[in-house]
Amino acid sequence: MTPPRVVVVGGGWAGLSAAAMLSRAGLPVTLCEAARQLGGRARRLLFGRHGIDNGQHLMIGAYTATMDMLSILGVNEARTLHRRPLRLEMHDTNGRRVRLAAPTLPAPLHLLAALVGARGLGARARWRAASMCVGLALRGFQLETDISVAALLERYGQPPNLIRALWEPLCLATLNIPIEQASARVFLRVLRDSFTGTHHASDLLFTATDLGALLPDPALEFIEAHGGSIHLGQRVTALQIEEGRVRGVIANGGLVEAEHVVLAVPPHAARPLLAPHPELKAVAEQLARFTYEPICTVYLQYPESVRLPTPMLGMLGTTGQWAFDRGLSNQPGLIAVVISARGPHMQQANAELVARVESELAAMFPDWPAAVETLVIREKRATFSCRVGIDQSRPVNAMPIGGGWLAGDYTATGYPATLEGAVRSGLQCARQIIARADVPGTA
């Protein structure tokens, strides 16, 4: 039996993961990417002599789908990732410091020990945090009805200083939306997977290179080595549907035939492809309900001697929220400062924003010299808004037509808009196609 042809639309992490898994199973795969490079919202950019990321990302040990994908692609973790035990250090410009480090204990005892032993928080705050985690663990980190993260923290009596120093920064880092709007259900899934699995699930994974070299480049080689083809600069403008089944896509004016089509693009890009078809109108309307949140990353190149005290540093009460030392990525002196969610910084002139972030770092590290080069990257649709009740709006992979599929971090993975969510969705989608194709030896 001839295996079905598959077209994957979109070369981000979801599309690449789907295409790699499908080609590994022996299905003929064609991947169409409108841009001239792979990676989507986690793509490579040039800054001076460095290859940097279109926004700083962080992975954790709980990203099992991502680690599985890297293993399939033959990526050597020891050479590409720096694995560090959980350690959070937060500074403000007045000299206040909060430190939380997980000892070598079985999960979730390591988290409880980290909270109880945290420095820079009062005894009441530490015990309130530990008490909340115990209460959530006893309930399996589940909520019958979704509420905001702010309401969850109020329910468990978390004091304001603890919220400002720990929970709010963690929520912004994982869900990219303020605690007053953020889905507690999604936030709790991240906490559950990070702290109730193995001890290493809470490890922080820092890349030894840019993200393009971590997954997109190996995926390109893997897909082509397994008979697939990747076409850059090829924009898909329409779906070809006949008698309730996908027949292919229109790309650059021509038909690319396929029995399965995976739309691995964001909701706002998938909608125009779905809307003209009556049988997909409901899905298009569902995608229209998604809203988006920005992420701004400020790169500052200092002399190579400049280093942060930890690979990742939280910034409290400042415009900058997290600073990353790119020295671990073989880019000494390069500091990436992340500003999540909406705010006045999105309208500031680049020079003004850089000056503000640089002054905040100078207040924390007065011995640092001035930055010699800077770059501001604003991704206006960095993530979907992971608001209260978002699970009800997230579509499943299978479209209501034969051979039609959706993949992306916004689909029903249960995870927020992260690299892990994208990879999970791509793999989920590929496994369902493989199961329907009845390919031998791929169960």
Protein backbone atom coordinates (compact mmCIF):
# COMPACT_ATOMS: atom_id res chain seq x y z
CA MET A 1 0.00 0.00 0.00
CA THR A 2 1.33 3.44 -0.97
CA PRO A 3 1.65 5.65 2.12
CA PRO A 4 -0.41 8.86 2.01
CA ARG A 5 1.26 12.12 1.07
CA VAL A 6 1.35 14.82 3.73
CA VAL A 7 1.82 18.56 3.37
CA VAL A 8 2.88 20.46 6.48
CA VAL A 9 2.25 24.21 6.32
CA GLY A 10 4.62 26.09 8.60
CA GLY A 11 8.23 25.52 9.63
CA GLY A 12 8.05 26.44 13.30
CA TRP A 13 8.70 23.92 16.05
CA ALA A 14 5.24 22.34 15.73
CA GLY A 15 5.49 21.87 11.97
CA LEU A 16 9.05 20.59 12.10
CA SER A 17 8.20 18.11 14.87
CA ALA A 18 5.20 16.81 12.91
CA ALA A 19 7.19 16.55 9.67
CA ALA A 20 10.12 14.79 11.35
CA MET A 21 7.87 12.19 13.01
CA LEU A 22 5.91 11.60 9.80
CA SER A 23 9.01 11.22 7.64
CA ARG A 24 10.51 8.88 10.21
CA ALA A 25 7.40 6.69 9.77
CA GLY A 26 8.00 6.56 6.02
CA LEU A 27 5.27 8.96 4.92
CA PRO A 28 6.12 11.30 2.02
CA VAL A 29 6.24 14.77 3.58
CA THR A 30 6.41 18.20 1.96
CA LEU A 31 6.88 21.15 4.31
CA CYS A 32 6.02 24.63 3.01
CA GLU A 33 7.36 27.64 4.90
CA ALA A 34 6.54 31.18 3.75
CA ALA A 35 9.65 32.68 5.34
CA ARG A 36 13.21 32.19 4.12
CA GLN A 37 14.22 30.35 7.28
CA LEU A 38 12.85 27.77 9.69
CA GLY A 39 12.04 28.19 13.36
CA GLY A 40 8.92 30.38 13.42
CA ARG A 41 8.81 32.52 16.55
CA ALA A 42 11.95 30.76 17.83
CA ARG A 43 14.14 31.53 14.85
CA ARG A 44 17.73 32.66 14.50
CA LEU A 45 18.73 36.31 14.00
CA LEU A 46 22.12 37.91 13.56
CA PHE A 47 23.39 40.42 16.10
CA GLY A 48 26.94 41.52 15.46
CA ARG A 49 28.94 38.31 15.14
CA HIS A 50 26.41 36.27 17.11
CA GLY A 51 23.49 34.13 16.09
CA ILE A 52 20.78 35.00 18.61
CA ASP A 53 17.14 34.01 19.13
CA ASN A 54 14.09 36.01 18.11
CA GLY A 55 13.33 36.38 21.80
CA GLN A 56 15.02 34.63 24.71
CA HIS A 57 13.58 31.23 25.63
CA LEU A 58 14.12 28.88 28.56
CA MET A 59 13.41 25.17 28.69
CA ILE A 60 12.95 22.99 31.74
CA GLY A 61 13.43 19.31 32.47
CA ALA A 62 9.66 18.72 32.36
CA TYR A 63 9.71 19.39 28.60
CA THR A 64 9.52 15.69 27.83
CA ALA A 65 8.16 16.04 24.29
CA THR A 66 10.96 18.44 23.36
CA MET A 67 13.60 16.14 24.80
CA ASP A 68 12.05 13.18 22.95
CA MET A 69 12.12 15.16 19.71
CA LEU A 70 15.75 16.14 20.17
CA SER A 71 16.59 12.48 20.83
CA ILE A 72 14.81 11.41 17.63
CA LEU A 73 16.78 14.02 15.69
CA GLY A 74 20.04 12.73 17.16
CA VAL A 75 20.78 15.95 19.04
CA ASN A 76 23.33 15.36 21.80
CA GLU A 77 22.04 16.95 25.01
CA ALA A 78 25.47 17.19 26.60
CA ARG A 79 26.75 19.26 23.67
CA THR A 80 23.73 21.47 23.11
CA LEU A 81 22.17 22.07 26.53
CA HIS A 82 23.45 23.10 29.95
CA ARG A 83 21.31 21.39 32.58
CA ARG A 84 21.23 23.14 35.95
CA PRO A 85 19.29 22.26 39.13
CA LEU A 86 16.46 24.68 39.92
CA ARG A 87 17.82 27.92 41.28
CA LEU A 88 15.99 31.22 41.16
CA GLU A 89 17.68 34.45 42.18
CA MET A 90 15.79 37.74 42.16
CA HIS A 91 17.31 41.23 42.60
CA ASP A 92 15.83 44.69 42.86
CA THR A 93 17.57 48.03 42.42
CA ASN A 94 17.61 48.66 46.21
CA GLY A 95 19.81 45.68 46.98
CA ARG A 96 17.06 43.26 48.02
CA ARG A 97 17.72 39.68 46.99
CA VAL A 98 15.58 36.57 47.01
CA ARG A 99 17.16 33.17 46.47
CA LEU A 100 15.50 29.80 46.04
CA ALA A 101 17.46 26.63 45.26
CA ALA A 102 16.27 23.03 45.10
CA PRO A 103 18.41 20.52 47.02
CA THR A 104 19.01 16.97 45.80
CA LEU A 105 15.88 15.35 47.18
CA PRO A 106 13.08 13.32 45.57
CA ALA A 107 10.26 15.34 44.03
CA PRO A 108 8.26 17.12 45.37
CA LEU A 109 10.32 17.27 48.58
CA HIS A 110 12.99 19.25 46.75
CA LEU A 111 10.44 21.98 46.01
CA LEU A 112 9.19 22.12 49.60
CA ALA A 113 12.77 22.30 50.86
CA ALA A 114 13.54 25.08 48.37
CA LEU A 115 10.54 27.12 49.50
CA VAL A 116 11.11 26.61 53.21
CA GLY A 117 14.80 27.45 52.85
CA ALA A 118 14.37 30.42 50.51
CA ARG A 119 16.43 33.47 51.42
CA GLY A 120 15.07 37.00 51.31
CA LEU A 121 11.52 35.98 52.22
CA GLY A 122 10.13 36.08 55.73
CA ALA A 123 9.24 32.92 57.60
CA ARG A 124 5.50 33.55 57.13
CA ALA A 125 5.87 33.90 53.36
CA ARG A 126 7.98 30.76 53.08
CA TRP A 127 5.51 28.65 55.03
CA ARG A 128 2.55 30.08 53.13
CA ALA A 129 4.21 29.10 49.85
CA ALA A 130 5.00 25.60 51.09
CA SER A 131 1.49 25.20 52.48
CA MET A 132 -0.05 26.16 49.15
CA CYS A 133 2.10 23.66 47.27
CA VAL A 134 1.14 20.87 49.69
CA GLY A 135 -2.55 21.76 49.33
CA LEU A 136 -2.30 21.80 45.54
CA ALA A 137 -0.42 18.51 45.46
CA LEU A 138 -3.11 16.83 47.59
CA ARG A 139 -5.63 17.94 44.96
CA GLY A 140 -3.46 16.74 42.09
CA PHE A 141 -2.93 20.35 40.97
CA GLN A 142 -6.49 20.27 39.61
CA LEU A 143 -9.27 22.86 39.66
CA GLU A 144 -12.93 22.08 39.06
CA THR A 145 -13.49 25.54 37.62
CA ASP A 146 -10.82 27.73 36.07
CA ILE A 147 -10.01 30.93 37.93
CA SER A 148 -7.28 33.53 37.64
CA VAL A 149 -3.87 32.93 39.15
CA ALA A 150 -4.49 35.99 41.34
CA ALA A 151 -7.68 34.39 42.70
CA LEU A 152 -5.83 31.13 43.30
CA LEU A 153 -3.11 32.89 45.26
CA GLU A 154 -5.73 34.74 47.31
CA ARG A 155 -7.51 31.44 48.02
CA TYR A 156 -4.31 30.06 49.50
CA GLY A 157 -3.48 33.19 51.47
CA GLN A 158 -0.28 34.16 49.69
CA PRO A 159 1.06 37.45 51.08
CA PRO A 160 1.69 40.38 48.71
CA ASN A 161 5.49 40.34 49.12
CA LEU A 162 5.59 36.65 48.16
CA ILE A 163 3.37 37.24 45.13
CA ARG A 164 5.60 40.09 43.92
CA ALA A 165 8.85 38.22 44.53
CA LEU A 166 7.91 34.73 43.32
CA TRP A 167 4.48 33.90 41.95
CA GLU A 168 3.97 36.91 39.71
CA PRO A 169 7.40 36.58 38.01
CA LEU A 170 6.83 32.84 37.51
CA CYS A 171 3.39 33.42 36.02
CA LEU A 172 4.67 36.05 33.60
CA ALA A 173 7.58 33.81 32.61
CA THR A 174 5.41 30.76 31.89
CA LEU A 175 2.06 32.19 30.71
CA ASN A 176 3.13 35.67 29.51
CA ILE A 177 0.07 37.34 31.02
CA PRO A 178 -0.57 39.14 34.35
CA ILE A 179 -1.84 37.05 37.26
CA GLU A 180 -5.19 38.88 37.24
CA GLN A 181 -5.97 37.43 33.80
CA ALA A 182 -3.89 34.24 33.70
CA SER A 183 -5.50 30.79 33.71
CA ALA A 184 -4.81 29.03 37.01
CA ARG A 185 -5.53 25.66 35.40
CA VAL A 186 -2.75 26.07 32.86
CA PHE A 187 -0.38 27.51 35.47
CA LEU A 188 -1.01 24.53 37.73
CA ARG A 189 -0.25 22.06 34.94
CA VAL A 190 3.18 23.62 34.53
CA LEU A 191 3.77 23.48 38.29
CA ARG A 192 2.57 19.87 38.42
CA ASP A 193 4.83 18.67 35.64
CA SER A 194 7.80 20.66 36.93
CA PHE A 195 7.64 19.68 40.58
CA THR A 196 5.80 16.37 40.98
CA GLY A 197 7.60 14.27 38.36
CA THR A 198 11.24 13.34 38.77
CA HIS A 199 13.71 15.57 40.57
CA HIS A 200 15.17 16.57 37.20
CA ALA A 201 11.81 17.80 35.87
CA SER A 202 12.49 21.16 37.54
CA ASP A 203 15.98 21.48 36.05
CA LEU A 204 16.65 24.61 34.02
CA LEU A 205 17.94 23.91 30.50
CA PHE A 206 20.08 26.64 28.94
CA THR A 207 21.08 26.30 25.31
CA ALA A 208 24.74 26.08 24.37
CA THR A 209 23.89 27.59 20.99
CA ASP A 210 21.09 29.52 19.36
CA LEU A 211 17.70 27.81 19.06
CA GLY A 212 18.02 27.47 15.30
CA ALA A 213 20.95 25.13 15.76
CA LEU A 214 19.13 23.22 18.51
CA LEU A 215 16.06 21.98 16.61
CA PRO A 216 15.33 23.59 13.20
CA ASP A 217 18.72 22.80 11.63
CA PRO A 218 18.79 19.12 12.78
CA ALA A 219 15.11 18.75 11.80
CA LEU A 220 15.85 19.97 8.28
CA GLU A 221 18.63 17.42 7.89
CA PHE A 222 16.52 14.64 9.43
CA ILE A 223 13.44 15.27 7.27
CA GLU A 224 15.44 15.41 4.05
CA ALA A 225 17.46 12.33 5.02
CA HIS A 226 14.17 10.43 5.45
CA GLY A 227 12.81 11.38 2.04
CA GLY A 228 10.91 14.53 2.96
CA SER A 229 11.26 17.90 1.25
CA ILE A 230 11.30 21.42 2.67
CA HIS A 231 10.46 24.48 0.60
CA LEU A 232 11.33 27.92 2.00
CA GLY A 233 9.70 31.05 0.63
CA GLN A 234 6.65 29.02 -0.40
CA ARG A 235 3.45 30.60 0.85
CA VAL A 236 0.30 28.49 1.02
CA THR A 237 -2.69 30.61 0.02
CA ALA A 238 -5.56 28.09 -0.04
CA LEU A 239 -6.71 24.60 0.93
CA GLN A 240 -7.99 22.32 -1.79
CA ILE A 241 -11.03 20.43 -0.44
CA GLU A 242 -13.34 18.13 -2.40
CA GLU A 243 -16.23 16.02 -1.10
CA GLY A 244 -15.30 16.61 2.53
CA ARG A 245 -11.65 15.64 2.15
CA VAL A 246 -8.41 17.50 1.77
CA ARG A 247 -6.84 17.14 -1.68
CA GLY A 248 -3.86 19.43 -1.21
CA VAL A 249 -2.88 23.08 -0.94
CA ILE A 250 -2.31 25.97 -3.33
CA ALA A 251 1.25 27.22 -2.88
CA ASN A 252 2.83 29.93 -5.04
CA GLY A 253 -0.05 29.55 -7.45
CA GLY A 254 0.24 25.80 -7.97
CA LEU A 255 -1.46 22.74 -6.49
CA VAL A 256 0.52 20.51 -4.12
CA GLU A 257 -1.49 17.31 -3.82
CA ALA A 258 -1.79 15.51 -0.49
CA GLU A 259 -4.08 13.18 1.44
CA HIS A 260 -3.30 14.98 4.69
CA VAL A 261 -2.57 18.66 5.34
CA VAL A 262 -1.22 19.91 8.67
CA LEU A 263 -1.70 23.64 9.29
CA ALA A 264 1.16 24.34 11.70
CA VAL A 265 0.73 28.11 11.73
CA PRO A 266 -0.71 30.49 14.36
CA PRO A 267 -4.50 30.96 14.57
CA HIS A 268 -4.45 34.32 12.78
CA ALA A 269 -2.58 32.71 9.86
CA ALA A 270 -4.72 29.56 9.76
CA ARG A 271 -8.06 31.41 9.74
CA PRO A 272 -7.87 32.78 6.16
CA LEU A 273 -7.18 29.26 4.90
CA LEU A 274 -10.19 27.80 6.74
CA ALA A 275 -12.81 30.56 6.38
CA PRO A 276 -13.68 30.07 2.66
CA HIS A 277 -14.83 26.48 3.32
CA PRO A 278 -18.33 26.05 4.85
CA GLU A 279 -17.36 22.83 6.62
CA LEU A 280 -14.51 24.68 8.39
CA LYS A 281 -16.42 27.85 9.28
CA ALA A 282 -16.90 26.80 12.93
CA VAL A 283 -13.17 26.15 13.35
CA ALA A 284 -12.33 29.49 11.75
CA GLU A 285 -14.70 31.24 14.17
CA GLN A 286 -13.08 29.37 17.07
CA LEU A 287 -9.64 30.61 16.01
CA ALA A 288 -10.97 34.16 15.69
CA ARG A 289 -11.50 34.21 19.46
CA PHE A 290 -7.77 33.99 20.17
CA THR A 291 -6.01 37.13 21.32
CA TYR A 292 -2.27 37.59 21.71
CA GLU A 293 0.38 38.89 24.07
CA PRO A 294 3.75 40.42 23.17
CA ILE A 295 7.25 39.70 24.42
CA CYS A 296 10.08 42.21 24.19
CA THR A 297 13.73 41.15 24.40
CA VAL A 298 16.53 43.66 24.87
CA TYR A 299 19.99 42.35 23.95
CA LEU A 300 22.94 44.22 25.44
CA GLN A 301 26.48 43.40 24.40
CA TYR A 302 28.93 44.24 27.18
CA PRO A 303 32.67 43.54 27.25
CA GLU A 304 33.31 39.80 27.50
CA SER A 305 34.28 40.05 31.18
CA VAL A 306 30.70 40.96 32.19
CA ARG A 307 28.76 38.08 33.77
CA LEU A 308 25.59 37.62 35.79
CA PRO A 309 25.92 35.83 39.16
CA THR A 310 23.61 33.11 37.78
CA PRO A 311 22.66 32.10 34.23
CA MET A 312 19.19 33.58 34.79
CA LEU A 313 18.37 36.48 37.09
CA GLY A 314 14.95 37.79 38.08
CA MET A 315 14.55 41.57 38.15
CA LEU A 316 12.03 42.88 40.69
CA GLY A 317 10.22 46.22 40.46
CA THR A 318 11.85 47.10 37.15
CA THR A 319 10.86 47.25 33.48
CA GLY A 320 13.14 44.30 32.77
CA GLN A 321 11.83 41.08 34.29
CA TRP A 322 14.43 38.38 33.61
CA ALA A 323 18.05 38.70 32.53
CA PHE A 324 19.91 35.84 30.87
CA ASP A 325 23.67 35.47 30.58
CA ARG A 326 24.37 34.31 27.03
CA GLY A 327 27.87 33.31 28.04
CA LEU A 328 26.48 29.77 28.35
CA SER A 329 25.66 30.00 24.64
CA ASN A 330 29.29 30.84 23.84
CA GLN A 331 28.40 34.53 23.63
CA PRO A 332 30.38 36.09 26.51
CA GLY A 333 29.24 39.51 27.68
CA LEU A 334 25.87 39.26 25.93
CA ILE A 335 22.92 39.81 28.27
CA ALA A 336 19.31 39.22 27.15
CA VAL A 337 16.63 41.02 29.17
CA VAL A 338 13.06 39.78 28.74
CA ILE A 339 9.92 41.87 29.26
CA SER A 340 6.77 39.76 29.11
CA ALA A 341 3.19 40.81 28.38
CA ARG A 342 1.82 44.24 27.51
CA GLY A 343 2.99 47.53 28.93
CA PRO A 344 4.35 51.01 28.16
CA HIS A 345 7.62 49.46 26.97
CA MET A 346 5.90 48.33 23.77
CA GLN A 347 5.43 51.99 22.72
CA GLN A 348 8.77 53.33 23.92
CA ALA A 349 11.44 54.32 21.44
CA ASN A 350 14.20 51.72 21.29
CA ALA A 351 16.87 54.10 22.58
CA GLU A 352 14.69 55.09 25.54
CA LEU A 353 13.90 51.47 26.42
CA VAL A 354 17.54 50.41 26.14
CA ALA A 355 18.62 53.28 28.38
CA ARG A 356 16.05 52.31 30.99
CA VAL A 357 16.99 48.62 31.03
CA GLU A 358 20.70 49.44 31.07
CA SER A 359 20.19 51.79 34.04
CA GLU A 360 18.31 49.06 35.92
CA LEU A 361 21.18 46.64 35.40
CA ALA A 362 23.68 49.34 36.40
CA ALA A 363 21.80 49.87 39.68
CA MET A 364 22.16 46.15 40.44
CA PHE A 365 25.72 45.85 39.14
CA PRO A 366 27.41 49.25 39.51
CA ASP A 367 30.82 47.88 38.43
CA TRP A 368 29.59 47.00 34.95
CA PRO A 369 30.83 49.20 32.08
CA ALA A 370 28.41 50.56 29.49
CA ALA A 371 27.03 48.25 26.82
CA VAL A 372 28.82 48.58 23.50
CA GLU A 373 25.98 47.40 21.27
CA THR A 374 22.24 46.85 21.76
CA LEU A 375 19.25 45.39 19.96
CA VAL A 376 15.51 45.48 20.77
CA ILE A 377 13.19 42.76 19.47
CA ARG A 378 9.43 43.16 19.90
CA GLU A 379 7.30 40.15 19.01
CA LYS A 380 3.75 41.56 19.09
CA ARG A 381 2.07 38.15 18.76
CA ALA A 382 4.59 36.17 20.76
CA THR A 383 1.99 33.99 22.52
CA PHE A 384 -1.73 33.44 22.61
CA SER A 385 -3.41 35.00 25.64
CA CYS A 386 -3.49 32.22 28.23
CA ARG A 387 -6.47 33.74 30.01
CA VAL A 388 -9.06 32.22 32.32
CA GLY A 389 -11.17 29.67 30.44
CA ILE A 390 -8.76 29.38 27.50
CA ASP A 391 -8.99 25.57 27.48
CA GLN A 392 -12.54 25.83 26.13
CA SER A 393 -11.31 27.74 23.08
CA ARG A 394 -8.41 25.50 22.14
CA PRO A 395 -9.11 23.22 19.16
CA VAL A 396 -8.16 19.56 18.85
CA ASN A 397 -5.73 18.51 16.14
CA ALA A 398 -8.28 16.90 13.83
CA MET A 399 -10.38 19.20 11.66
CA PRO A 400 -13.98 18.17 10.81
CA ILE A 401 -12.89 17.09 7.31
CA GLY A 402 -10.90 14.09 6.16
CA GLY A 403 -7.15 14.67 6.20
CA GLY A 404 -7.28 18.15 7.75
CA TRP A 405 -5.15 18.87 10.84
CA LEU A 406 -4.12 21.72 13.12
CA ALA A 407 -0.80 21.87 14.96
CA GLY A 408 0.61 24.59 17.17
CA ASP A 409 1.08 25.56 20.79
CA TYR A 410 -2.48 26.99 20.84
CA THR A 411 -4.14 23.59 20.26
CA ALA A 412 -5.46 21.40 23.08
CA THR A 413 -2.16 20.39 24.68
CA GLY A 414 -3.00 21.79 28.13
CA TYR A 415 0.28 23.72 28.05
CA PRO A 416 0.84 27.45 27.63
CA ALA A 417 2.41 28.96 24.51
CA THR A 418 5.86 27.44 24.89
CA LEU A 419 8.31 25.47 22.78
CA GLU A 420 7.12 22.38 24.62
CA GLY A 421 3.50 23.10 23.72
CA ALA A 422 4.43 23.47 20.05
CA VAL A 423 6.41 20.22 19.97
CA ARG A 424 3.70 18.33 21.85
CA SER A 425 1.08 19.45 19.38
CA GLY A 426 3.21 18.53 16.38
CA LEU A 427 3.90 15.06 17.75
CA GLN A 428 0.25 14.50 18.73
CA CYS A 429 -0.81 15.42 15.23
CA ALA A 430 1.77 13.18 13.55
CA ARG A 431 0.87 10.17 15.69
CA GLN A 432 -2.80 10.49 14.74
CA ILE A 433 -1.96 10.65 11.04
CA ILE A 434 0.35 7.67 11.33
CA ALA A 435 -2.34 5.68 13.13
CA ARG A 436 -4.84 6.43 10.35
CA ALA A 437 -2.27 5.58 7.70
CA ASP A 438 -1.77 2.18 9.34
CA VAL A 439 1.99 2.30 8.74
CA PRO A 440 3.61 -0.97 9.90
CA GLY A 441 5.97 -0.80 12.85
CA THR A 442 5.09 2.74 13.95
CA ALA A 443 2.71 2.13 16.82
